[in-house]
PDB file of all heavy atoms in Angstrom:
ATOM      1  N   GLY A   1       4.182  22.862 -14.889  1.00  0.00           N
ATOM      2  CA  GLY A   1       4.260  22.616 -13.459  1.00  0.00           C
ATOM      3  C   GLY A   1       5.284  21.583 -13.049  1.00  0.00           C
ATOM      4  O   GLY A   1       5.746  21.585 -11.912  1.00  0.00           O
ATOM      5  N   SER A   2       5.632  20.681 -13.961  1.00  0.00           N
ATOM      6  CA  SER A   2       6.593  19.632 -13.617  1.00  0.00           C
ATOM      7  C   SER A   2       7.165  19.017 -14.888  1.00  0.00           C
ATOM      8  O   SER A   2       6.583  19.142 -15.969  1.00  0.00           O
ATOM      9  CB  SER A   2       5.914  18.529 -12.799  1.00  0.00           C
ATOM     10  OG  SER A   2       4.985  17.824 -13.600  1.00  0.00           O
ATOM     11  N   ALA A   3       8.285  18.330 -14.726  1.00  0.00           N
ATOM     12  CA  ALA A   3       8.851  17.589 -15.847  1.00  0.00           C
ATOM     13  C   ALA A   3       7.877  16.494 -16.270  1.00  0.00           C
ATOM     14  O   ALA A   3       7.740  16.197 -17.460  1.00  0.00           O
ATOM     15  CB  ALA A   3      10.202  17.000 -15.452  1.00  0.00           C
ATOM     16  N   GLY A   4       7.185  15.907 -15.304  1.00  0.00           N
ATOM     17  CA  GLY A   4       6.201  14.882 -15.610  1.00  0.00           C
ATOM     18  C   GLY A   4       5.090  15.391 -16.507  1.00  0.00           C
ATOM     19  O   GLY A   4       4.627  14.678 -17.403  1.00  0.00           O
ATOM     20  N   GLN A   5       4.653  16.625 -16.284  1.00  0.00           N
ATOM     21  CA  GLN A   5       3.613  17.213 -17.129  1.00  0.00           C
ATOM     22  C   GLN A   5       4.099  17.304 -18.574  1.00  0.00           C
ATOM     23  O   GLN A   5       3.367  16.991 -19.503  1.00  0.00           O
ATOM     24  CB  GLN A   5       3.219  18.603 -16.622  1.00  0.00           C
ATOM     25  CG  GLN A   5       2.160  19.271 -17.479  1.00  0.00           C
ATOM     26  CD  GLN A   5       1.897  20.722 -17.103  1.00  0.00           C
ATOM     27  OE1 GLN A   5       2.570  21.301 -16.265  1.00  0.00           O
ATOM     28  NE2 GLN A   5       0.908  21.303 -17.736  1.00  0.00           N
ATOM     29  N   VAL A   6       5.337  17.720 -18.757  1.00  0.00           N
ATOM     30  CA  VAL A   6       5.900  17.827 -20.107  1.00  0.00           C
ATOM     31  C   VAL A   6       5.969  16.442 -20.744  1.00  0.00           C
ATOM     32  O   VAL A   6       5.520  16.237 -21.880  1.00  0.00           O
ATOM     33  CB  VAL A   6       7.289  18.492 -20.081  1.00  0.00           C
ATOM     34  CG1 VAL A   6       7.921  18.477 -21.469  1.00  0.00           C
ATOM     35  CG2 VAL A   6       7.191  19.917 -19.539  1.00  0.00           C
ATOM     36  N   LEU A   7       6.533  15.474 -20.024  1.00  0.00           N
ATOM     37  CA  LEU A   7       6.683  14.126 -20.571  1.00  0.00           C
ATOM     38  C   LEU A   7       5.331  13.478 -20.862  1.00  0.00           C
ATOM     39  O   LEU A   7       5.161  12.831 -21.905  1.00  0.00           O
ATOM     40  CB  LEU A   7       7.502  13.260 -19.623  1.00  0.00           C
ATOM     41  CG  LEU A   7       8.957  13.679 -19.457  1.00  0.00           C
ATOM     42  CD1 LEU A   7       9.622  12.849 -18.362  1.00  0.00           C
ATOM     43  CD2 LEU A   7       9.711  13.582 -20.758  1.00  0.00           C
ATOM     44  N   ASP A   8       4.366  13.650 -19.973  1.00  0.00           N
ATOM     45  CA  ASP A   8       3.030  13.091 -20.204  1.00  0.00           C
ATOM     46  C   ASP A   8       2.395  13.692 -21.453  1.00  0.00           C
ATOM     47  O   ASP A   8       1.774  12.981 -22.257  1.00  0.00           O
ATOM     48  CB  ASP A   8       2.119  13.321 -18.997  1.00  0.00           C
ATOM     49  CG  ASP A   8       2.487  12.479 -17.796  1.00  0.00           C
ATOM     50  OD1 ASP A   8       3.280  11.519 -17.945  1.00  0.00           O
ATOM     51  OD2 ASP A   8       1.987  12.789 -16.692  1.00  0.00           O
ATOM     52  N   THR A   9       2.537  14.993 -21.616  1.00  0.00           N
ATOM     53  CA  THR A   9       1.969  15.668 -22.784  1.00  0.00           C
ATOM     54  C   THR A   9       2.644  15.185 -24.068  1.00  0.00           C
ATOM     55  O   THR A   9       1.971  14.906 -25.063  1.00  0.00           O
ATOM     56  CB  THR A   9       2.099  17.199 -22.650  1.00  0.00           C
ATOM     57  OG1 THR A   9       1.424  17.613 -21.461  1.00  0.00           O
ATOM     58  CG2 THR A   9       1.501  17.914 -23.846  1.00  0.00           C
ATOM     59  N   VAL A  10       3.963  15.076 -24.051  1.00  0.00           N
ATOM     60  CA  VAL A  10       4.677  14.597 -25.239  1.00  0.00           C
ATOM     61  C   VAL A  10       4.240  13.170 -25.570  1.00  0.00           C
ATOM     62  O   VAL A  10       3.974  12.844 -26.737  1.00  0.00           O
ATOM     63  CB  VAL A  10       6.205  14.691 -25.036  1.00  0.00           C
ATOM     64  CG1 VAL A  10       6.955  13.938 -26.130  1.00  0.00           C
ATOM     65  CG2 VAL A  10       6.641  16.154 -24.996  1.00  0.00           C
ATOM     66  N   ARG A  11       4.143  12.303 -24.566  1.00  0.00           N
ATOM     67  CA  ARG A  11       3.706  10.918 -24.817  1.00  0.00           C
ATOM     68  C   ARG A  11       2.292  10.871 -25.410  1.00  0.00           C
ATOM     69  O   ARG A  11       2.017  10.138 -26.358  1.00  0.00           O
ATOM     70  CB  ARG A  11       3.747  10.104 -23.521  1.00  0.00           C
ATOM     71  CG  ARG A  11       5.104   9.534 -23.219  1.00  0.00           C
ATOM     72  CD  ARG A  11       5.035   8.502 -22.098  1.00  0.00           C
ATOM     73  NE  ARG A  11       4.923   9.086 -20.780  1.00  0.00           N
ATOM     74  CZ  ARG A  11       5.962   9.416 -20.022  1.00  0.00           C
ATOM     75  NH1 ARG A  11       7.192   9.223 -20.435  1.00  0.00           N
ATOM     76  NH2 ARG A  11       5.773   9.933 -18.829  1.00  0.00           N
ATOM     77  N   GLU A  12       1.396  11.678 -24.841  1.00  0.00           N
ATOM     78  CA  GLU A  12       0.017  11.713 -25.324  1.00  0.00           C
ATOM     79  C   GLU A  12      -0.041  12.156 -26.781  1.00  0.00           C
ATOM     80  O   GLU A  12      -0.723  11.552 -27.608  1.00  0.00           O
ATOM     81  CB  GLU A  12      -0.808  12.659 -24.444  1.00  0.00           C
ATOM     82  CG  GLU A  12      -2.223  12.879 -24.930  1.00  0.00           C
ATOM     83  CD  GLU A  12      -2.927  13.977 -24.150  1.00  0.00           C
ATOM     84  OE1 GLU A  12      -2.617  14.186 -22.967  1.00  0.00           O
ATOM     85  OE2 GLU A  12      -3.793  14.633 -24.737  1.00  0.00           O
ATOM     86  N   ARG A  13       0.681  13.216 -27.093  1.00  0.00           N
ATOM     87  CA  ARG A  13       0.676  13.744 -28.458  1.00  0.00           C
ATOM     88  C   ARG A  13       1.389  12.804 -29.426  1.00  0.00           C
ATOM     89  O   ARG A  13       1.017  12.693 -30.588  1.00  0.00           O
ATOM     90  CB  ARG A  13       1.300  15.140 -28.496  1.00  0.00           C
ATOM     91  CG  ARG A  13       0.454  16.185 -27.782  1.00  0.00           C
ATOM     92  CD  ARG A  13      -0.941  16.186 -28.339  1.00  0.00           C
ATOM     93  NE  ARG A  13      -1.785  17.109 -27.617  1.00  0.00           N
ATOM     94  CZ  ARG A  13      -3.020  17.410 -27.986  1.00  0.00           C
ATOM     95  NH1 ARG A  13      -3.547  16.852 -29.049  1.00  0.00           N
ATOM     96  NH2 ARG A  13      -3.733  18.245 -27.280  1.00  0.00           N
ATOM     97  N   ALA A  14       2.408  12.106 -28.957  1.00  0.00           N
ATOM     98  CA  ALA A  14       3.112  11.137 -29.799  1.00  0.00           C
ATOM     99  C   ALA A  14       2.169   9.998 -30.184  1.00  0.00           C
ATOM    100  O   ALA A  14       2.220   9.505 -31.326  1.00  0.00           O
ATOM    101  CB  ALA A  14       4.343  10.596 -29.079  1.00  0.00           C
ATOM    102  N   ARG A  15       1.320   9.567 -29.273  1.00  0.00           N
ATOM    103  CA  ARG A  15       0.359   8.508 -29.580  1.00  0.00           C
ATOM    104  C   ARG A  15      -0.658   8.965 -30.623  1.00  0.00           C
ATOM    105  O   ARG A  15      -1.144   8.165 -31.419  1.00  0.00           O
ATOM    106  CB  ARG A  15      -0.364   8.058 -28.313  1.00  0.00           C
ATOM    107  CG  ARG A  15       0.461   7.129 -27.443  1.00  0.00           C
ATOM    108  CD  ARG A  15      -0.371   6.464 -26.358  1.00  0.00           C
ATOM    109  NE  ARG A  15      -0.783   7.377 -25.313  1.00  0.00           N
ATOM    110  CZ  ARG A  15      -0.062   7.654 -24.219  1.00  0.00           C
ATOM    111  NH1 ARG A  15       1.109   7.095 -24.047  1.00  0.00           N
ATOM    112  NH2 ARG A  15      -0.517   8.484 -23.310  1.00  0.00           N
ATOM    113  N   LYS A  16      -0.999  10.259 -30.619  1.00  0.00           N
ATOM    114  CA  LYS A  16      -1.989  10.781 -31.565  1.00  0.00           C
ATOM    115  C   LYS A  16      -1.398  11.060 -32.944  1.00  0.00           C
ATOM    116  O   LYS A  16      -2.107  10.999 -33.941  1.00  0.00           O
ATOM    117  CB  LYS A  16      -2.606  12.073 -31.014  1.00  0.00           C
ATOM    118  CG  LYS A  16      -3.514  11.858 -29.835  1.00  0.00           C
ATOM    119  CD  LYS A  16      -4.142  13.160 -29.406  1.00  0.00           C
ATOM    120  CE  LYS A  16      -5.083  12.931 -28.237  1.00  0.00           C
ATOM    121  NZ  LYS A  16      -5.783  14.164 -27.876  1.00  0.00           N
ATOM    122  N   ALA A  17      -0.121  11.412 -32.995  1.00  0.00           N
ATOM    123  CA  ALA A  17       0.505  11.790 -34.263  1.00  0.00           C
ATOM    124  C   ALA A  17       0.605  10.590 -35.201  1.00  0.00           C
ATOM    125  O   ALA A  17       1.076   9.528 -34.802  1.00  0.00           O
ATOM    126  CB  ALA A  17       1.885  12.387 -34.013  1.00  0.00           C
ATOM    127  N   ARG A  18       0.191  10.770 -36.425  1.00  0.00           N
ATOM    128  CA  ARG A  18       0.301   9.728 -37.447  1.00  0.00           C
ATOM    129  C   ARG A  18       1.273  10.147 -38.546  1.00  0.00           C
ATOM    130  O   ARG A  18       1.561   9.375 -39.439  1.00  0.00           O
ATOM    131  CB  ARG A  18      -1.071   9.426 -38.061  1.00  0.00           C
ATOM    132  CG  ARG A  18      -2.052   8.857 -37.061  1.00  0.00           C
ATOM    133  CD  ARG A  18      -1.590   7.479 -36.595  1.00  0.00           C
ATOM    134  NE  ARG A  18      -2.425   6.959 -35.539  1.00  0.00           N
ATOM    135  CZ  ARG A  18      -1.995   6.773 -34.295  1.00  0.00           C
ATOM    136  NH1 ARG A  18      -0.776   7.092 -33.946  1.00  0.00           N
ATOM    137  NH2 ARG A  18      -2.782   6.280 -33.385  1.00  0.00           N
ATOM    138  N   ASP A  19       1.758  11.373 -38.474  1.00  0.00           N
ATOM    139  CA  ASP A  19       2.720  11.852 -39.462  1.00  0.00           C
ATOM    140  C   ASP A  19       3.913  12.458 -38.723  1.00  0.00           C
ATOM    141  O   ASP A  19       4.896  11.786 -38.501  1.00  0.00           O
ATOM    142  CB  ASP A  19       2.058  12.874 -40.392  1.00  0.00           C
ATOM    143  CG  ASP A  19       2.910  13.214 -41.612  1.00  0.00           C
ATOM    144  OD1 ASP A  19       4.142  13.380 -41.449  1.00  0.00           O
ATOM    145  OD2 ASP A  19       2.363  13.334 -42.721  1.00  0.00           O
ATOM    146  N   THR A  20       3.794  13.696 -38.271  1.00  0.00           N
ATOM    147  CA  THR A  20       4.912  14.396 -37.654  1.00  0.00           C
ATOM    148  C   THR A  20       4.583  14.777 -36.214  1.00  0.00           C
ATOM    149  O   THR A  20       3.461  15.189 -35.922  1.00  0.00           O
ATOM    150  CB  THR A  20       5.246  15.682 -38.444  1.00  0.00           C
ATOM    151  OG1 THR A  20       5.630  15.299 -39.769  1.00  0.00           O
ATOM    152  CG2 THR A  20       6.364  16.475 -37.806  1.00  0.00           C
ATOM    153  N   LEU A  21       5.567  14.629 -35.339  1.00  0.00           N
ATOM    154  CA  LEU A  21       5.472  15.138 -33.971  1.00  0.00           C
ATOM    155  C   LEU A  21       6.551  16.195 -33.830  1.00  0.00           C
ATOM    156  O   LEU A  21       7.742  15.895 -33.931  1.00  0.00           O
ATOM    157  CB  LEU A  21       5.688  14.028 -32.937  1.00  0.00           C
ATOM    158  CG  LEU A  21       5.780  14.496 -31.479  1.00  0.00           C
ATOM    159  CD1 LEU A  21       4.469  15.120 -31.028  1.00  0.00           C
ATOM    160  CD2 LEU A  21       6.172  13.336 -30.575  1.00  0.00           C
ATOM    161  N   LEU A  22       6.137  17.431 -33.627  1.00  0.00           N
ATOM    162  CA  LEU A  22       7.063  18.540 -33.450  1.00  0.00           C
ATOM    163  C   LEU A  22       7.124  18.882 -31.966  1.00  0.00           C
ATOM    164  O   LEU A  22       6.086  19.117 -31.344  1.00  0.00           O
ATOM    165  CB  LEU A  22       6.589  19.766 -34.240  1.00  0.00           C
ATOM    166  CG  LEU A  22       7.362  21.058 -34.007  1.00  0.00           C
ATOM    167  CD1 LEU A  22       8.734  20.968 -34.656  1.00  0.00           C
ATOM    168  CD2 LEU A  22       6.599  22.251 -34.521  1.00  0.00           C
ATOM    169  N   ILE A  23       8.328  18.879 -31.413  1.00  0.00           N
ATOM    170  CA  ILE A  23       8.531  19.273 -30.018  1.00  0.00           C
ATOM    171  C   ILE A  23       9.476  20.469 -30.027  1.00  0.00           C
ATOM    172  O   ILE A  23      10.571  20.395 -30.593  1.00  0.00           O
ATOM    173  CB  ILE A  23       9.126  18.125 -29.187  1.00  0.00           C
ATOM    174  CG1 ILE A  23       8.212  16.909 -29.234  1.00  0.00           C
ATOM    175  CG2 ILE A  23       9.347  18.578 -27.739  1.00  0.00           C
ATOM    176  CD1 ILE A  23       8.828  15.660 -28.672  1.00  0.00           C
ATOM    177  N   TYR A  24       9.040  21.551 -29.392  1.00  0.00           N
ATOM    178  CA  TYR A  24       9.820  22.791 -29.347  1.00  0.00           C
ATOM    179  C   TYR A  24      10.023  23.176 -27.891  1.00  0.00           C
ATOM    180  O   TYR A  24       9.079  23.167 -27.110  1.00  0.00           O
ATOM    181  CB  TYR A  24       9.042  23.886 -30.090  1.00  0.00           C
ATOM    182  CG  TYR A  24       9.618  25.273 -29.964  1.00  0.00           C
ATOM    183  CD1 TYR A  24      10.640  25.703 -30.801  1.00  0.00           C
ATOM    184  CD2 TYR A  24       9.114  26.161 -29.020  1.00  0.00           C
ATOM    185  CE1 TYR A  24      11.154  26.986 -30.692  1.00  0.00           C
ATOM    186  CE2 TYR A  24       9.621  27.446 -28.904  1.00  0.00           C
ATOM    187  CZ  TYR A  24      10.641  27.853 -29.743  1.00  0.00           C
ATOM    188  OH  TYR A  24      11.140  29.119 -29.633  1.00  0.00           O
ATOM    189  N   TYR A  25      11.264  23.483 -27.527  1.00  0.00           N
ATOM    190  CA  TYR A  25      11.578  23.957 -26.179  1.00  0.00           C
ATOM    191  C   TYR A  25      12.288  25.292 -26.288  1.00  0.00           C
ATOM    192  O   TYR A  25      13.230  25.443 -27.077  1.00  0.00           O
ATOM    193  CB  TYR A  25      12.488  22.967 -25.433  1.00  0.00           C
ATOM    194  CG  TYR A  25      13.006  23.547 -24.133  1.00  0.00           C
ATOM    195  CD1 TYR A  25      12.218  23.562 -22.998  1.00  0.00           C
ATOM    196  CD2 TYR A  25      14.271  24.130 -24.061  1.00  0.00           C
ATOM    197  CE1 TYR A  25      12.666  24.133 -21.819  1.00  0.00           C
ATOM    198  CE2 TYR A  25      14.730  24.701 -22.885  1.00  0.00           C
ATOM    199  CZ  TYR A  25      13.925  24.698 -21.774  1.00  0.00           C
ATOM    200  OH  TYR A  25      14.372  25.264 -20.610  1.00  0.00           O
ATOM    201  N   ALA A  26      11.840  26.246 -25.501  1.00  0.00           N
ATOM    202  CA  ALA A  26      12.515  27.536 -25.410  1.00  0.00           C
ATOM    203  C   ALA A  26      12.746  27.842 -23.933  1.00  0.00           C
ATOM    204  O   ALA A  26      11.846  27.699 -23.110  1.00  0.00           O
ATOM    205  CB  ALA A  26      11.675  28.643 -26.045  1.00  0.00           C
ATOM    206  N   GLY A  27      13.963  28.220 -23.604  1.00  0.00           N
ATOM    207  CA  GLY A  27      14.318  28.535 -22.228  1.00  0.00           C
ATOM    208  C   GLY A  27      15.827  28.486 -22.085  1.00  0.00           C
ATOM    209  O   GLY A  27      16.558  28.358 -23.066  1.00  0.00           O
ATOM    210  N   HIS A  28      16.287  28.577 -20.867  1.00  0.00           N
ATOM    211  CA  HIS A  28      17.712  28.524 -20.602  1.00  0.00           C
ATOM    212  C   HIS A  28      18.271  27.128 -20.812  1.00  0.00           C
ATOM    213  O   HIS A  28      17.589  26.131 -20.601  1.00  0.00           O
ATOM    214  CB  HIS A  28      17.999  28.929 -19.142  1.00  0.00           C
ATOM    215  CG  HIS A  28      17.915  30.387 -18.890  1.00  0.00           C
ATOM    216  ND1 HIS A  28      18.846  31.275 -19.349  1.00  0.00           N
ATOM    217  CD2 HIS A  28      16.992  31.118 -18.216  1.00  0.00           C
ATOM    218  CE1 HIS A  28      18.514  32.500 -18.966  1.00  0.00           C
ATOM    219  NE2 HIS A  28      17.386  32.434 -18.277  1.00  0.00           N
ATOM    220  N   GLY A  29      19.517  27.081 -21.196  1.00  0.00           N
ATOM    221  CA  GLY A  29      20.261  25.830 -21.258  1.00  0.00           C
ATOM    222  C   GLY A  29      21.548  26.012 -20.475  1.00  0.00           C
ATOM    223  O   GLY A  29      22.078  27.118 -20.377  1.00  0.00           O
ATOM    224  N   LEU A  30      22.028  24.949 -19.870  1.00  0.00           N
ATOM    225  CA  LEU A  30      23.269  24.999 -19.099  1.00  0.00           C
ATOM    226  C   LEU A  30      24.226  23.929 -19.617  1.00  0.00           C
ATOM    227  O   LEU A  30      23.801  22.860 -20.047  1.00  0.00           O
ATOM    228  CB  LEU A  30      22.986  24.761 -17.611  1.00  0.00           C
ATOM    229  CG  LEU A  30      22.079  25.772 -16.928  1.00  0.00           C
ATOM    230  CD1 LEU A  30      21.766  25.328 -15.501  1.00  0.00           C
ATOM    231  CD2 LEU A  30      22.720  27.149 -16.917  1.00  0.00           C
ATOM    232  N   THR A  31      25.505  24.206 -19.544  1.00  0.00           N
ATOM    233  CA  THR A  31      26.522  23.253 -19.968  1.00  0.00           C
ATOM    234  C   THR A  31      27.167  22.621 -18.747  1.00  0.00           C
ATOM    235  O   THR A  31      27.576  23.320 -17.818  1.00  0.00           O
ATOM    236  CB  THR A  31      27.611  23.961 -20.808  1.00  0.00           C
ATOM    237  OG1 THR A  31      26.966  24.641 -21.883  1.00  0.00           O
ATOM    238  CG2 THR A  31      28.597  22.975 -21.365  1.00  0.00           C
ATOM    239  N   ASP A  32      27.263  21.292 -18.760  1.00  0.00           N
ATOM    240  CA  ASP A  32      27.933  20.576 -17.682  1.00  0.00           C
ATOM    241  C   ASP A  32      29.426  20.883 -17.769  1.00  0.00           C
ATOM    242  O   ASP A  32      30.045  20.686 -18.818  1.00  0.00           O
ATOM    243  CB  ASP A  32      27.699  19.071 -17.848  1.00  0.00           C
ATOM    244  CG  ASP A  32      28.299  18.277 -16.705  1.00  0.00           C
ATOM    245  OD1 ASP A  32      29.541  18.306 -16.542  1.00  0.00           O
ATOM    246  OD2 ASP A  32      27.533  17.603 -15.995  1.00  0.00           O
ATOM    247  N   PRO A  33      30.035  21.379 -16.685  1.00  0.00           N
ATOM    248  CA  PRO A  33      31.449  21.775 -16.748  1.00  0.00           C
ATOM    249  C   PRO A  33      32.405  20.595 -16.943  1.00  0.00           C
ATOM    250  O   PRO A  33      33.543  20.791 -17.365  1.00  0.00           O
ATOM    251  CB  PRO A  33      31.692  22.445 -15.393  1.00  0.00           C
ATOM    252  CG  PRO A  33      30.632  21.921 -14.498  1.00  0.00           C
ATOM    253  CD  PRO A  33      29.452  21.619 -15.374  1.00  0.00           C
ATOM    254  N   HIS A  34      31.960  19.378 -16.691  1.00  0.00           N
ATOM    255  CA  HIS A  34      32.828  18.208 -16.824  1.00  0.00           C
ATOM    256  C   HIS A  34      32.689  17.510 -18.171  1.00  0.00           C
ATOM    257  O   HIS A  34      33.660  16.950 -18.681  1.00  0.00           O
ATOM    258  CB  HIS A  34      32.549  17.207 -15.697  1.00  0.00           C
ATOM    259  CG  HIS A  34      32.695  17.816 -14.335  1.00  0.00           C
ATOM    260  ND1 HIS A  34      33.913  18.202 -13.814  1.00  0.00           N
ATOM    261  CD2 HIS A  34      31.765  18.129 -13.406  1.00  0.00           C
ATOM    262  CE1 HIS A  34      33.732  18.727 -12.609  1.00  0.00           C
ATOM    263  NE2 HIS A  34      32.433  18.696 -12.337  1.00  0.00           N
ATOM    264  N   THR A  35      31.497  17.547 -18.742  1.00  0.00           N
ATOM    265  CA  THR A  35      31.259  16.804 -19.982  1.00  0.00           C
ATOM    266  C   THR A  35      30.938  17.692 -21.173  1.00  0.00           C
ATOM    267  O   THR A  35      30.887  17.216 -22.298  1.00  0.00           O
ATOM    268  CB  THR A  35      30.088  15.822 -19.801  1.00  0.00           C
ATOM    269  OG1 THR A  35      28.888  16.575 -19.587  1.00  0.00           O
ATOM    270  CG2 THR A  35      30.344  14.860 -18.657  1.00  0.00           C
ATOM    271  N   ASP A  36      30.687  18.967 -20.928  1.00  0.00           N
ATOM    272  CA  ASP A  36      30.256  19.908 -21.964  1.00  0.00           C
ATOM    273  C   ASP A  36      28.898  19.555 -22.569  1.00  0.00           C
ATOM    274  O   ASP A  36      28.525  20.086 -23.609  1.00  0.00           O
ATOM    275  CB  ASP A  36      31.295  20.051 -23.082  1.00  0.00           C
ATOM    276  CG  ASP A  36      32.516  20.819 -22.637  1.00  0.00           C
ATOM    277  OD1 ASP A  36      32.391  21.665 -21.728  1.00  0.00           O
ATOM    278  OD2 ASP A  36      33.602  20.578 -23.202  1.00  0.00           O
ATOM    279  N   GLU A  37      28.161  18.655 -21.924  1.00  0.00           N
ATOM    280  CA  GLU A  37      26.826  18.327 -22.407  1.00  0.00           C
ATOM    281  C   GLU A  37      25.869  19.461 -22.063  1.00  0.00           C
ATOM    282  O   GLU A  37      25.938  20.038 -20.986  1.00  0.00           O
ATOM    283  CB  GLU A  37      26.324  17.028 -21.786  1.00  0.00           C
ATOM    284  CG  GLU A  37      27.050  15.807 -22.284  1.00  0.00           C
ATOM    285  CD  GLU A  37      26.502  14.523 -21.686  1.00  0.00           C
ATOM    286  OE1 GLU A  37      25.558  14.584 -20.855  1.00  0.00           O
ATOM    287  OE2 GLU A  37      27.019  13.465 -22.057  1.00  0.00           O
ATOM    288  N   LEU A  38      24.985  19.737 -22.989  1.00  0.00           N
ATOM    289  CA  LEU A  38      23.995  20.785 -22.803  1.00  0.00           C
ATOM    290  C   LEU A  38      22.723  20.180 -22.228  1.00  0.00           C
ATOM    291  O   LEU A  38      22.272  19.119 -22.648  1.00  0.00           O
ATOM    292  CB  LEU A  38      23.673  21.453 -24.143  1.00  0.00           C
ATOM    293  CG  LEU A  38      22.674  22.599 -24.122  1.00  0.00           C
ATOM    294  CD1 LEU A  38      23.214  23.780 -23.319  1.00  0.00           C
ATOM    295  CD2 LEU A  38      22.344  23.031 -25.538  1.00  0.00           C
ATOM    296  N   SER A  39      22.158  20.841 -21.232  1.00  0.00           N
ATOM    297  CA  SER A  39      20.872  20.413 -20.686  1.00  0.00           C
ATOM    298  C   SER A  39      19.995  21.638 -20.504  1.00  0.00           C
ATOM    299  O   SER A  39      20.481  22.763 -20.430  1.00  0.00           O
ATOM    300  CB  SER A  39      21.050  19.676 -19.356  1.00  0.00           C
ATOM    301  OG  SER A  39      21.617  20.546 -18.406  1.00  0.00           O
ATOM    302  N   ARG A  40      18.710  21.402 -20.457  1.00  0.00           N
ATOM    303  CA  ARG A  40      17.809  22.540 -20.273  1.00  0.00           C
ATOM    304  C   ARG A  40      17.775  22.900 -18.800  1.00  0.00           C
ATOM    305  O   ARG A  40      17.923  22.040 -17.933  1.00  0.00           O
ATOM    306  CB  ARG A  40      16.407  22.219 -20.795  1.00  0.00           C
ATOM    307  CG  ARG A  40      15.751  21.123 -20.017  1.00  0.00           C
ATOM    308  CD  ARG A  40      14.309  21.000 -20.375  1.00  0.00           C
ATOM    309  NE  ARG A  40      13.715  19.900 -19.673  1.00  0.00           N
ATOM    310  CZ  ARG A  40      13.462  19.896 -18.367  1.00  0.00           C
ATOM    311  NH1 ARG A  40      13.743  20.952 -17.650  1.00  0.00           N
ATOM    312  NH2 ARG A  40      12.942  18.853 -17.781  1.00  0.00           N
TER     313      ARG A  40
END
């Protein structure tokens, strides 16, 4: 529903993880025409 929901979930899971935190994103990515940086 929001970027905040994603960030809150990642923070919550990061606090629980004692070994590995795996974050996976699937979706479109766009390239900034001025910097060539990739963003989701």
